[in-house]
């Protein structure tokens, strides 16, 4: 959007005077036309540092499977990146006939480095009581969740040390996380019980950010649900609130190329549901207003205004019971 429009919004929230600097390219950048989306995806991917070959073969070995709470849980060791093993869970309904819809679930951060993919099967304090492994398999979906770098079974090195070591090598921690998610999607759609034309991604907090980055970069994702981390970068900067997000969140040169809304515009016209807390400091309301307004315009121009929805609840950083109902209904409608 134009600089004056964005500054006007910030002024309304008393933020303009707090902004340390204005990105050089932000003043003229607008969400890119649909014909340029592939180029913009390539540009976005190019910001993620030195990544492994996107075409390298994926290998995996299944440790085993168990029945729990009405579904079957498979435990896998995946070779997604050629650097370190990626432990994963696949949850599937007890009986699957043919190919069914699938969901890539992205776990959150929350300082729970030992948790990782356990969030998928055990839940988390800020999520609703029914874990997503059960909620999704109850709908008849197959769902996958991996341990990301520095989480779960991959929490052998701290986030800070991993970020710094990667930076020395020309890598970006968030880029390596996104790469693993893209390759996890490759693994998921190759399963014989998955319909590759009906794939969604969702997550809370860090998992929310992963959901919209993944969908922006990969058009195989048909439905995106992000819970409580649709953060406008420039508003966060203006509020001097960068410390609220972990170091994993930061990508070099990003603000000179993209706004949050411009990344999310690459998801259009595919279905996208965002959920936010009005008292969540990680997603300032002024920034939500900016993103919502711009994405409403993008989806209207694509003639699918019904495929974008942002729901706001009077809570902090948590999923609400009403939000969970909306999420499951949205998946059933568009997946």
C-alpha atoms as a PDB file:
ATOM      1  CA  UNK A   1       0.000   0.000   0.000  1.00  0.00           C
ATOM      2  CA  UNK A   2       1.076   3.633  -0.407  1.00  0.00           C
ATOM      3  CA  UNK A   3       3.229   5.143   2.311  1.00  0.00           C
ATOM      4  CA  UNK A   4       0.706   7.817   3.192  1.00  0.00           C
ATOM      5  CA  UNK A   5      -2.048   5.251   3.691  1.00  0.00           C
ATOM      6  CA  UNK A   6       0.076   3.126   6.003  1.00  0.00           C
ATOM      7  CA  UNK A   7       1.353   6.164   7.937  1.00  0.00           C
ATOM      8  CA  UNK A   8      -2.239   7.374   8.336  1.00  0.00           C
ATOM      9  CA  UNK A   9      -3.189   4.042   9.899  1.00  0.00           C
ATOM     10  CA  UNK A  10      -0.206   4.179  12.236  1.00  0.00           C
ATOM     11  CA  UNK A  11      -1.057   7.738  13.241  1.00  0.00           C
ATOM     12  CA  UNK A  12      -4.551   6.663  14.169  1.00  0.00           C
ATOM     13  CA  UNK A  13      -2.995   4.204  16.590  1.00  0.00           C
ATOM     14  CA  UNK A  14      -0.454   6.745  17.838  1.00  0.00           C
ATOM     15  CA  UNK A  15       2.373   4.747  16.276  1.00  0.00           C
ATOM     16  CA  UNK A  16       3.825   6.888  13.517  1.00  0.00           C
ATOM     17  CA  UNK A  17       6.216   8.759  15.777  1.00  0.00           C
ATOM     18  CA  UNK A  18       7.623   5.471  17.075  1.00  0.00           C
ATOM     19  CA  UNK A  19       8.713   4.117  13.705  1.00  0.00           C
ATOM     20  CA  UNK A  20      12.552   3.913  13.683  1.00  0.00           C
ATOM     21  CA  UNK A  21      12.836   3.898   9.905  1.00  0.00           C
ATOM     22  CA  UNK A  22      10.833   3.528   6.721  1.00  0.00           C
ATOM     23  CA  UNK A  23      11.841   0.662   4.386  1.00  0.00           C
ATOM     24  CA  UNK A  24      13.146   1.996   1.097  1.00  0.00           C
ATOM     25  CA  UNK A  25      10.784   0.008  -1.112  1.00  0.00           C
ATOM     26  CA  UNK A  26       7.664  -0.007   0.997  1.00  0.00           C
ATOM     27  CA  UNK A  27       6.357   3.318  -0.298  1.00  0.00           C
ATOM     28  CA  UNK A  28       5.628   2.054  -3.809  1.00  0.00           C
ATOM     29  CA  UNK A  29       5.057  -1.659  -3.230  1.00  0.00           C
ATOM     30  CA  UNK A  30       1.519  -2.967  -3.528  1.00  0.00           C
ATOM     31  CA  UNK A  31       0.263  -6.550  -3.484  1.00  0.00           C
ATOM     32  CA  UNK A  32       1.511  -7.997  -6.753  1.00  0.00           C
ATOM     33  CA  UNK A  33      -0.842  -8.788  -9.632  1.00  0.00           C
ATOM     34  CA  UNK A  34      -1.838 -12.406 -10.017  1.00  0.00           C
ATOM     35  CA  UNK A  35       0.316 -12.767 -13.163  1.00  0.00           C
ATOM     36  CA  UNK A  36       3.421 -12.021 -11.109  1.00  0.00           C
ATOM     37  CA  UNK A  37       2.681 -14.428  -8.278  1.00  0.00           C
ATOM     38  CA  UNK A  38       5.178 -17.119  -9.399  1.00  0.00           C
ATOM     39  CA  UNK A  39       7.957 -14.534  -9.596  1.00  0.00           C
ATOM     40  CA  UNK A  40       7.063 -13.140  -6.194  1.00  0.00           C
ATOM     41  CA  UNK A  41       7.074 -16.633  -4.704  1.00  0.00           C
ATOM     42  CA  UNK A  42      10.546 -17.178  -6.116  1.00  0.00           C
ATOM     43  CA  UNK A  43      11.630 -13.832  -4.663  1.00  0.00           C
ATOM     44  CA  UNK A  44      10.226 -14.737  -1.249  1.00  0.00           C
ATOM     45  CA  UNK A  45      11.886 -18.143  -1.290  1.00  0.00           C
ATOM     46  CA  UNK A  46      15.147 -16.466  -2.283  1.00  0.00           C
ATOM     47  CA  UNK A  47      15.177 -14.522   1.001  1.00  0.00           C
ATOM     48  CA  UNK A  48      15.359 -17.739   3.040  1.00  0.00           C
ATOM     49  CA  UNK A  49      19.111 -18.213   2.831  1.00  0.00           C
ATOM     50  CA  UNK A  50      21.209 -21.109   1.556  1.00  0.00           C
ATOM     51  CA  UNK A  51      18.820 -24.058   1.456  1.00  0.00           C
ATOM     52  CA  UNK A  52      19.271 -27.712   0.495  1.00  0.00           C
ATOM     53  CA  UNK A  53      18.308 -28.760  -3.012  1.00  0.00           C
ATOM     54  CA  UNK A  54      14.526 -28.547  -3.325  1.00  0.00           C
ATOM     55  CA  UNK A  55      14.577 -31.597  -5.600  1.00  0.00           C
ATOM     56  CA  UNK A  56      16.639 -33.950  -3.440  1.00  0.00           C
ATOM     57  CA  UNK A  57      14.950 -37.318  -2.819  1.00  0.00           C
ATOM     58  CA  UNK A  58      12.994 -37.760   0.411  1.00  0.00           C
ATOM     59  CA  UNK A  59      13.399 -40.922   2.409  1.00  0.00           C
ATOM     60  CA  UNK A  60      11.558 -42.120   5.461  1.00  0.00           C
ATOM     61  CA  UNK A  61      11.310 -45.080   7.776  1.00  0.00           C
ATOM     62  CA  UNK A  62       8.316 -45.854   9.948  1.00  0.00           C
ATOM     63  CA  UNK A  63       9.198 -46.670  13.551  1.00  0.00           C
ATOM     64  CA  UNK A  64       5.780 -48.100  14.227  1.00  0.00           C
ATOM     65  CA  UNK A  65       2.132 -47.315  14.777  1.00  0.00           C
ATOM     66  CA  UNK A  66      -0.335 -47.427  17.643  1.00  0.00           C
ATOM     67  CA  UNK A  67      -4.046 -46.894  18.106  1.00  0.00           C
ATOM     68  CA  UNK A  68      -5.010 -43.995  20.332  1.00  0.00           C
ATOM     69  CA  UNK A  69      -8.253 -42.214  20.997  1.00  0.00           C
ATOM     70  CA  UNK A  70     -10.057 -43.381  17.881  1.00  0.00           C
ATOM     71  CA  UNK A  71      -7.260 -43.017  15.337  1.00  0.00           C
ATOM     72  CA  UNK A  72      -4.004 -44.628  14.261  1.00  0.00           C
ATOM     73  CA  UNK A  73      -0.762 -42.792  15.041  1.00  0.00           C
ATOM     74  CA  UNK A  74       2.274 -43.550  12.902  1.00  0.00           C
ATOM     75  CA  UNK A  75       5.745 -42.466  14.046  1.00  0.00           C
ATOM     76  CA  UNK A  76       8.274 -41.703  11.322  1.00  0.00           C
ATOM     77  CA  UNK A  77      11.895 -40.715  10.857  1.00  0.00           C
ATOM     78  CA  UNK A  78      12.141 -38.565   7.734  1.00  0.00           C
ATOM     79  CA  UNK A  79      15.148 -37.463   5.709  1.00  0.00           C
ATOM     80  CA  UNK A  80      13.857 -34.127   4.455  1.00  0.00           C
ATOM     81  CA  UNK A  81      16.977 -31.986   4.323  1.00  0.00           C
ATOM     82  CA  UNK A  82      20.021 -34.295   4.231  1.00  0.00           C
ATOM     83  CA  UNK A  83      21.409 -32.694   7.392  1.00  0.00           C
ATOM     84  CA  UNK A  84      19.535 -34.133  10.331  1.00  0.00           C
ATOM     85  CA  UNK A  85      16.717 -36.590  10.928  1.00  0.00           C
ATOM     86  CA  UNK A  86      13.186 -35.154  11.169  1.00  0.00           C
ATOM     87  CA  UNK A  87      10.898 -37.123  13.528  1.00  0.00           C
ATOM     88  CA  UNK A  88       7.236 -36.951  12.550  1.00  0.00           C
ATOM     89  CA  UNK A  89       3.759 -38.115  13.471  1.00  0.00           C
ATOM     90  CA  UNK A  90       1.114 -39.110  10.953  1.00  0.00           C
ATOM     91  CA  UNK A  91      -2.417 -39.497  12.305  1.00  0.00           C
ATOM     92  CA  UNK A  92      -4.962 -41.306  10.189  1.00  0.00           C
ATOM     93  CA  UNK A  93      -8.537 -42.498  10.750  1.00  0.00           C
ATOM     94  CA  UNK A  94      -8.844 -46.156  11.745  1.00  0.00           C
ATOM     95  CA  UNK A  95     -10.473 -46.982   8.432  1.00  0.00           C
ATOM     96  CA  UNK A  96      -9.580 -45.069   5.278  1.00  0.00           C
ATOM     97  CA  UNK A  97     -11.161 -45.830   1.925  1.00  0.00           C
ATOM     98  CA  UNK A  98      -9.278 -44.434  -1.036  1.00  0.00           C
ATOM     99  CA  UNK A  99      -7.638 -41.033  -0.934  1.00  0.00           C
ATOM    100  CA  UNK A 100      -8.817 -38.512   1.660  1.00  0.00           C
ATOM    101  CA  UNK A 101      -8.061 -34.862   2.471  1.00  0.00           C
ATOM    102  CA  UNK A 102      -4.887 -34.141   4.413  1.00  0.00           C
ATOM    103  CA  UNK A 103      -3.635 -31.462   6.801  1.00  0.00           C
ATOM    104  CA  UNK A 104      -0.084 -30.422   7.592  1.00  0.00           C
ATOM    105  CA  UNK A 105      -0.206 -29.321  11.227  1.00  0.00           C
ATOM    106  CA  UNK A 106       2.493 -26.879  12.365  1.00  0.00           C
ATOM    107  CA  UNK A 107       3.367 -26.917  16.058  1.00  0.00           C
ATOM    108  CA  UNK A 108       3.857 -23.729  18.061  1.00  0.00           C
ATOM    109  CA  UNK A 109       6.854 -22.327  19.940  1.00  0.00           C
ATOM    110  CA  UNK A 110       5.810 -21.036  23.364  1.00  0.00           C
ATOM    111  CA  UNK A 111       9.267 -21.774  24.760  1.00  0.00           C
ATOM    112  CA  UNK A 112       8.369 -25.475  24.776  1.00  0.00           C
ATOM    113  CA  UNK A 113      11.451 -26.749  23.029  1.00  0.00           C
ATOM    114  CA  UNK A 114      10.922 -30.304  24.293  1.00  0.00           C
ATOM    115  CA  UNK A 115       7.307 -30.383  23.097  1.00  0.00           C
ATOM    116  CA  UNK A 116       7.373 -29.955  19.316  1.00  0.00           C
ATOM    117  CA  UNK A 117       5.141 -32.500  17.595  1.00  0.00           C
ATOM    118  CA  UNK A 118       3.752 -33.697  20.943  1.00  0.00           C
ATOM    119  CA  UNK A 119       1.457 -30.664  20.738  1.00  0.00           C
ATOM    120  CA  UNK A 120      -0.284 -32.397  17.830  1.00  0.00           C
ATOM    121  CA  UNK A 121      -1.288 -35.430  19.916  1.00  0.00           C
ATOM    122  CA  UNK A 122      -1.316 -34.077  23.483  1.00  0.00           C
ATOM    123  CA  UNK A 123      -2.521 -30.504  22.933  1.00  0.00           C
ATOM    124  CA  UNK A 124      -1.252 -27.329  24.588  1.00  0.00           C
ATOM    125  CA  UNK A 125      -2.523 -25.040  27.337  1.00  0.00           C
ATOM    126  CA  UNK A 126      -3.482 -22.272  24.884  1.00  0.00           C
ATOM    127  CA  UNK A 127      -5.278 -24.661  22.513  1.00  0.00           C
ATOM    128  CA  UNK A 128      -8.698 -26.224  22.988  1.00  0.00           C
ATOM    129  CA  UNK A 129      -8.774 -29.490  24.982  1.00  0.00           C
ATOM    130  CA  UNK A 130      -9.204 -31.840  22.000  1.00  0.00           C
ATOM    131  CA  UNK A 131      -5.785 -32.261  20.341  1.00  0.00           C
ATOM    132  CA  UNK A 132      -5.721 -31.615  16.623  1.00  0.00           C
ATOM    133  CA  UNK A 133      -4.646 -35.183  15.831  1.00  0.00           C
ATOM    134  CA  UNK A 134      -8.023 -36.384  17.084  1.00  0.00           C
ATOM    135  CA  UNK A 135     -10.052 -33.416  15.788  1.00  0.00           C
ATOM    136  CA  UNK A 136      -8.714 -33.843  12.252  1.00  0.00           C
ATOM    137  CA  UNK A 137      -8.945 -37.630  12.084  1.00  0.00           C
ATOM    138  CA  UNK A 138     -12.510 -37.407  13.424  1.00  0.00           C
ATOM    139  CA  UNK A 139     -13.269 -35.455  10.248  1.00  0.00           C
ATOM    140  CA  UNK A 140     -11.762 -38.276   8.187  1.00  0.00           C
ATOM    141  CA  UNK A 141      -8.505 -36.471   7.373  1.00  0.00           C
ATOM    142  CA  UNK A 142      -4.926 -37.717   7.397  1.00  0.00           C
ATOM    143  CA  UNK A 143      -2.656 -35.284   9.259  1.00  0.00           C
ATOM    144  CA  UNK A 144       1.106 -34.845   9.559  1.00  0.00           C
ATOM    145  CA  UNK A 145       3.214 -32.963  12.099  1.00  0.00           C
ATOM    146  CA  UNK A 146       7.005 -32.803  12.175  1.00  0.00           C
ATOM    147  CA  UNK A 147       9.464 -31.697  14.841  1.00  0.00           C
ATOM    148  CA  UNK A 148      10.985 -28.454  13.580  1.00  0.00           C
ATOM    149  CA  UNK A 149      14.583 -27.381  14.106  1.00  0.00           C
ATOM    150  CA  UNK A 150      15.402 -27.012  17.864  1.00  0.00           C
ATOM    151  CA  UNK A 151      12.068 -28.563  18.952  1.00  0.00           C
ATOM    152  CA  UNK A 152      10.974 -31.952  20.217  1.00  0.00           C
ATOM    153  CA  UNK A 153      13.463 -34.667  19.377  1.00  0.00           C
ATOM    154  CA  UNK A 154      15.516 -32.033  17.544  1.00  0.00           C
ATOM    155  CA  UNK A 155      16.034 -29.875  20.657  1.00  0.00           C
ATOM    156  CA  UNK A 156      19.682 -30.910  21.070  1.00  0.00           C
ATOM    157  CA  UNK A 157      20.948 -27.354  20.434  1.00  0.00           C
ATOM    158  CA  UNK A 158      19.465 -24.060  21.607  1.00  0.00           C
ATOM    159  CA  UNK A 159      17.493 -21.778  19.317  1.00  0.00           C
ATOM    160  CA  UNK A 160      20.050 -18.999  19.765  1.00  0.00           C
ATOM    161  CA  UNK A 161      23.074 -21.196  18.986  1.00  0.00           C
ATOM    162  CA  UNK A 162      21.331 -22.748  15.987  1.00  0.00           C
ATOM    163  CA  UNK A 163      20.322 -19.350  14.615  1.00  0.00           C
ATOM    164  CA  UNK A 164      23.870 -17.984  14.965  1.00  0.00           C
ATOM    165  CA  UNK A 165      25.609 -21.043  13.529  1.00  0.00           C
ATOM    166  CA  UNK A 166      23.278 -21.035  10.534  1.00  0.00           C
ATOM    167  CA  UNK A 167      23.838 -17.316  10.005  1.00  0.00           C
ATOM    168  CA  UNK A 168      27.581 -17.934   9.734  1.00  0.00           C
ATOM    169  CA  UNK A 169      26.871 -20.478   7.013  1.00  0.00           C
ATOM    170  CA  UNK A 170      24.596 -18.173   5.052  1.00  0.00           C
ATOM    171  CA  UNK A 171      21.526 -19.980   6.313  1.00  0.00           C
ATOM    172  CA  UNK A 172      18.397 -18.585   7.970  1.00  0.00           C
ATOM    173  CA  UNK A 173      16.740 -20.585  10.740  1.00  0.00           C
ATOM    174  CA  UNK A 174      13.251 -19.690   9.538  1.00  0.00           C
ATOM    175  CA  UNK A 175      14.285 -20.606   6.016  1.00  0.00           C
ATOM    176  CA  UNK A 176      15.437 -24.037   7.126  1.00  0.00           C
ATOM    177  CA  UNK A 177      12.150 -24.496   8.998  1.00  0.00           C
ATOM    178  CA  UNK A 178      10.122 -23.493   5.950  1.00  0.00           C
ATOM    179  CA  UNK A 179      12.213 -25.802   3.772  1.00  0.00           C
ATOM    180  CA  UNK A 180      11.411 -28.750   6.051  1.00  0.00           C
ATOM    181  CA  UNK A 181       7.709 -27.875   5.870  1.00  0.00           C
ATOM    182  CA  UNK A 182       7.800 -27.787   2.077  1.00  0.00           C
ATOM    183  CA  UNK A 183       9.477 -31.180   2.000  1.00  0.00           C
ATOM    184  CA  UNK A 184       7.038 -32.519   4.607  1.00  0.00           C
ATOM    185  CA  UNK A 185       4.288 -31.481   2.210  1.00  0.00           C
ATOM    186  CA  UNK A 186       6.077 -33.426  -0.535  1.00  0.00           C
ATOM    187  CA  UNK A 187       6.057 -36.482   1.723  1.00  0.00           C
ATOM    188  CA  UNK A 188       2.406 -36.031   2.673  1.00  0.00           C
ATOM    189  CA  UNK A 189       0.994 -35.744  -0.844  1.00  0.00           C
ATOM    190  CA  UNK A 190       2.836 -38.888  -1.960  1.00  0.00           C
ATOM    191  CA  UNK A 191       0.984 -41.067   0.541  1.00  0.00           C
ATOM    192  CA  UNK A 192      -1.409 -43.547  -1.061  1.00  0.00           C
ATOM    193  CA  UNK A 193      -4.212 -42.518   1.324  1.00  0.00           C
ATOM    194  CA  UNK A 194      -3.944 -38.780   0.628  1.00  0.00           C
ATOM    195  CA  UNK A 195      -5.769 -36.793  -2.059  1.00  0.00           C
ATOM    196  CA  UNK A 196      -3.071 -34.321  -3.206  1.00  0.00           C
ATOM    197  CA  UNK A 197      -5.766 -31.959  -4.529  1.00  0.00           C
ATOM    198  CA  UNK A 198      -7.256 -31.503  -1.042  1.00  0.00           C
ATOM    199  CA  UNK A 199      -4.481 -30.397   1.295  1.00  0.00           C
ATOM    200  CA  UNK A 200      -4.648 -27.832   4.104  1.00  0.00           C
ATOM    201  CA  UNK A 201      -2.223 -26.417   6.629  1.00  0.00           C
ATOM    202  CA  UNK A 202      -2.890 -24.943  10.051  1.00  0.00           C
ATOM    203  CA  UNK A 203      -1.133 -24.004  13.246  1.00  0.00           C
ATOM    204  CA  UNK A 204      -1.032 -21.815  16.326  1.00  0.00           C
ATOM    205  CA  UNK A 205       1.495 -19.048  17.032  1.00  0.00           C
ATOM    206  CA  UNK A 206       4.775 -20.067  15.329  1.00  0.00           C
ATOM    207  CA  UNK A 207       2.664 -22.707  13.603  1.00  0.00           C
ATOM    208  CA  UNK A 208       0.338 -19.966  12.391  1.00  0.00           C
ATOM    209  CA  UNK A 209       3.224 -18.095  10.786  1.00  0.00           C
ATOM    210  CA  UNK A 210       4.408 -21.341   9.204  1.00  0.00           C
ATOM    211  CA  UNK A 211       0.926 -21.955   7.792  1.00  0.00           C
ATOM    212  CA  UNK A 212       0.751 -18.675   5.882  1.00  0.00           C
ATOM    213  CA  UNK A 213       4.371 -18.786   4.712  1.00  0.00           C
ATOM    214  CA  UNK A 214       3.909 -22.343   3.472  1.00  0.00           C
ATOM    215  CA  UNK A 215       0.676 -21.570   1.657  1.00  0.00           C
ATOM    216  CA  UNK A 216       2.169 -18.421   0.124  1.00  0.00           C
ATOM    217  CA  UNK A 217       5.057 -20.450  -1.303  1.00  0.00           C
ATOM    218  CA  UNK A 218       3.229 -23.624  -2.347  1.00  0.00           C
ATOM    219  CA  UNK A 219      -0.017 -23.604  -4.300  1.00  0.00           C
ATOM    220  CA  UNK A 220      -0.705 -27.238  -3.427  1.00  0.00           C
ATOM    221  CA  UNK A 221      -2.064 -25.914  -0.129  1.00  0.00           C
ATOM    222  CA  UNK A 222      -5.756 -25.332  -0.824  1.00  0.00           C
ATOM    223  CA  UNK A 223      -6.843 -24.204   2.647  1.00  0.00           C
ATOM    224  CA  UNK A 224      -4.879 -22.188   5.215  1.00  0.00           C
ATOM    225  CA  UNK A 225      -5.808 -21.648   8.855  1.00  0.00           C
ATOM    226  CA  UNK A 226      -3.582 -19.430  10.989  1.00  0.00           C
ATOM    227  CA  UNK A 227      -4.290 -19.066  14.697  1.00  0.00           C
ATOM    228  CA  UNK A 228      -2.931 -16.036  16.564  1.00  0.00           C
ATOM    229  CA  UNK A 229       0.156 -14.987  14.660  1.00  0.00           C
ATOM    230  CA  UNK A 230      -0.891 -12.938  11.652  1.00  0.00           C
ATOM    231  CA  UNK A 231       1.420 -10.076  12.568  1.00  0.00           C
ATOM    232  CA  UNK A 232       1.971  -6.969  10.468  1.00  0.00           C
ATOM    233  CA  UNK A 233       5.755  -6.578  10.543  1.00  0.00           C
ATOM    234  CA  UNK A 234       5.768  -2.790  10.235  1.00  0.00           C
ATOM    235  CA  UNK A 235       3.237  -2.295  13.034  1.00  0.00           C
ATOM    236  CA  UNK A 236       5.261  -4.578  15.298  1.00  0.00           C
ATOM    237  CA  UNK A 237       8.336  -2.511  14.471  1.00  0.00           C
ATOM    238  CA  UNK A 238       6.497   0.724  15.179  1.00  0.00           C
ATOM    239  CA  UNK A 239       5.400  -0.573  18.568  1.00  0.00           C
ATOM    240  CA  UNK A 240       8.992  -1.579  19.395  1.00  0.00           C
ATOM    241  CA  UNK A 241       7.706  -5.069  20.171  1.00  0.00           C
ATOM    242  CA  UNK A 242      10.148  -7.230  18.216  1.00  0.00           C
ATOM    243  CA  UNK A 243      11.303  -8.966  21.382  1.00  0.00           C
ATOM    244  CA  UNK A 244       7.883 -10.593  21.720  1.00  0.00           C
ATOM    245  CA  UNK A 245       8.790 -12.926  18.863  1.00  0.00           C
ATOM    246  CA  UNK A 246      11.598 -15.482  18.976  1.00  0.00           C
ATOM    247  CA  UNK A 247      14.774 -15.010  16.967  1.00  0.00           C
ATOM    248  CA  UNK A 248      13.616 -17.714  14.530  1.00  0.00           C
ATOM    249  CA  UNK A 249      11.025 -15.208  13.222  1.00  0.00           C
ATOM    250  CA  UNK A 250      13.439 -12.811  11.546  1.00  0.00           C
ATOM    251  CA  UNK A 251      14.481 -13.041   7.880  1.00  0.00           C
ATOM    252  CA  UNK A 252      17.208 -10.748   6.481  1.00  0.00           C
ATOM    253  CA  UNK A 253      16.048  -8.085   4.017  1.00  0.00           C
ATOM    254  CA  UNK A 254      12.394  -9.144   4.279  1.00  0.00           C
ATOM    255  CA  UNK A 255      10.942  -5.692   4.930  1.00  0.00           C
ATOM    256  CA  UNK A 256      12.630  -4.283   1.838  1.00  0.00           C
ATOM    257  CA  UNK A 257      10.719  -6.757  -0.309  1.00  0.00           C
ATOM    258  CA  UNK A 258       7.449  -7.723   1.388  1.00  0.00           C
ATOM    259  CA  UNK A 259       4.822  -6.625   3.849  1.00  0.00           C
ATOM    260  CA  UNK A 260       2.878  -9.259   5.747  1.00  0.00           C
ATOM    261  CA  UNK A 261      -0.158  -8.594   3.568  1.00  0.00           C
ATOM    262  CA  UNK A 262       1.908  -9.037   0.403  1.00  0.00           C
ATOM    263  CA  UNK A 263       3.080 -12.460   1.539  1.00  0.00           C
ATOM    264  CA  UNK A 264      -0.464 -13.471   2.384  1.00  0.00           C
ATOM    265  CA  UNK A 265      -1.757 -12.099  -0.910  1.00  0.00           C
ATOM    266  CA  UNK A 266       0.172 -14.923  -2.590  1.00  0.00           C
ATOM    267  CA  UNK A 267      -2.313 -17.352  -1.033  1.00  0.00           C
ATOM    268  CA  UNK A 268      -5.261 -15.802  -2.885  1.00  0.00           C
ATOM    269  CA  UNK A 269      -7.633 -16.932  -4.246  1.00  0.00           C
ATOM    270  CA  UNK A 270      -7.236 -20.084  -2.137  1.00  0.00           C
ATOM    271  CA  UNK A 271      -9.218 -20.274   1.109  1.00  0.00           C
ATOM    272  CA  UNK A 272      -7.631 -18.597   4.139  1.00  0.00           C
ATOM    273  CA  UNK A 273      -8.995 -18.235   7.660  1.00  0.00           C
ATOM    274  CA  UNK A 274      -7.184 -16.118  10.226  1.00  0.00           C
ATOM    275  CA  UNK A 275      -8.005 -15.995  13.936  1.00  0.00           C
ATOM    276  CA  UNK A 276      -6.670 -13.412  16.369  1.00  0.00           C
ATOM    277  CA  UNK A 277      -6.966 -12.209  19.943  1.00  0.00           C
ATOM    278  CA  UNK A 278      -7.806  -8.558  20.449  1.00  0.00           C
ATOM    279  CA  UNK A 279      -5.560  -8.504  23.533  1.00  0.00           C
ATOM    280  CA  UNK A 280      -2.704 -10.456  21.954  1.00  0.00           C
ATOM    281  CA  UNK A 281       0.434  -8.296  21.992  1.00  0.00           C
ATOM    282  CA  UNK A 282       2.048 -10.518  19.339  1.00  0.00           C
ATOM    283  CA  UNK A 283      -0.513  -9.347  16.767  1.00  0.00           C
ATOM    284  CA  UNK A 284      -1.276  -5.651  17.360  1.00  0.00           C
ATOM    285  CA  UNK A 285      -4.817  -4.710  16.342  1.00  0.00           C
ATOM    286  CA  UNK A 286      -3.606  -1.840  14.142  1.00  0.00           C
ATOM    287  CA  UNK A 287      -1.646  -4.365  12.092  1.00  0.00           C
ATOM    288  CA  UNK A 288      -4.593  -6.737  11.849  1.00  0.00           C
ATOM    289  CA  UNK A 289      -6.622  -3.863  10.399  1.00  0.00           C
ATOM    290  CA  UNK A 290      -3.991  -3.282   7.706  1.00  0.00           C
ATOM    291  CA  UNK A 291      -3.772  -6.948   6.714  1.00  0.00           C
ATOM    292  CA  UNK A 292      -7.533  -7.469   6.762  1.00  0.00           C
ATOM    293  CA  UNK A 293      -8.230  -4.438   4.596  1.00  0.00           C
ATOM    294  CA  UNK A 294      -5.582  -5.347   2.026  1.00  0.00           C
ATOM    295  CA  UNK A 295      -6.594  -9.002   1.812  1.00  0.00           C
ATOM    296  CA  UNK A 296     -10.256  -8.088   1.462  1.00  0.00           C
ATOM    297  CA  UNK A 297      -9.240  -6.084  -1.600  1.00  0.00           C
ATOM    298  CA  UNK A 298      -7.102  -8.910  -2.979  1.00  0.00           C
ATOM    299  CA  UNK A 299      -9.821 -11.535  -2.591  1.00  0.00           C
ATOM    300  CA  UNK A 300     -12.504  -9.212  -3.964  1.00  0.00           C
ATOM    301  CA  UNK A 301     -10.340  -8.575  -7.030  1.00  0.00           C
ATOM    302  CA  UNK A 302      -9.966 -12.354  -7.422  1.00  0.00           C
ATOM    303  CA  UNK A 303     -13.786 -12.633  -7.236  1.00  0.00           C
ATOM    304  CA  UNK A 304     -13.675 -14.877  -4.189  1.00  0.00           C
ATOM    305  CA  UNK A 305     -14.295 -12.599  -1.184  1.00  0.00           C
ATOM    306  CA  UNK A 306     -15.805 -15.523   0.721  1.00  0.00           C
ATOM    307  CA  UNK A 307     -12.458 -17.320   0.818  1.00  0.00           C
ATOM    308  CA  UNK A 308     -10.813 -14.802   3.163  1.00  0.00           C
ATOM    309  CA  UNK A 309     -11.994 -14.354   6.729  1.00  0.00           C
ATOM    310  CA  UNK A 310     -10.351 -12.831   9.809  1.00  0.00           C
ATOM    311  CA  UNK A 311     -12.040 -13.579  13.122  1.00  0.00           C
ATOM    312  CA  UNK A 312     -11.152 -11.642  16.283  1.00  0.00           C
ATOM    313  CA  UNK A 313     -11.891 -12.661  19.846  1.00  0.00           C
ATOM    314  CA  UNK A 314     -11.543 -10.752  23.119  1.00  0.00           C
ATOM    315  CA  UNK A 315      -8.665 -12.915  24.369  1.00  0.00           C
ATOM    316  CA  UNK A 316      -4.899 -12.882  24.539  1.00  0.00           C
ATOM    317  CA  UNK A 317      -2.710 -15.503  22.825  1.00  0.00           C
ATOM    318  CA  UNK A 318      -5.076 -18.476  22.800  1.00  0.00           C
ATOM    319  CA  UNK A 319      -7.525 -20.495  20.740  1.00  0.00           C
ATOM    320  CA  UNK A 320     -11.176 -20.121  21.740  1.00  0.00           C
ATOM    321  CA  UNK A 321     -13.934 -22.727  21.678  1.00  0.00           C
ATOM    322  CA  UNK A 322     -15.796 -20.622  19.120  1.00  0.00           C
ATOM    323  CA  UNK A 323     -12.638 -20.345  17.058  1.00  0.00           C
ATOM    324  CA  UNK A 324     -12.177 -24.121  17.015  1.00  0.00           C
ATOM    325  CA  UNK A 325     -15.714 -24.560  15.711  1.00  0.00           C
ATOM    326  CA  UNK A 326     -15.051 -21.999  12.973  1.00  0.00           C
ATOM    327  CA  UNK A 327     -11.802 -23.741  12.020  1.00  0.00           C
ATOM    328  CA  UNK A 328     -13.346 -27.160  11.622  1.00  0.00           C
ATOM    329  CA  UNK A 329     -16.309 -25.717   9.699  1.00  0.00           C
ATOM    330  CA  UNK A 330     -13.945 -23.798   7.397  1.00  0.00           C
ATOM    331  CA  UNK A 331     -11.964 -26.946   6.660  1.00  0.00           C
ATOM    332  CA  UNK A 332     -15.121 -28.893   5.910  1.00  0.00           C
ATOM    333  CA  UNK A 333     -16.402 -26.148   3.639  1.00  0.00           C
ATOM    334  CA  UNK A 334     -13.298 -25.599   1.535  1.00  0.00           C
ATOM    335  CA  UNK A 335     -11.324 -28.837   1.818  1.00  0.00           C
END
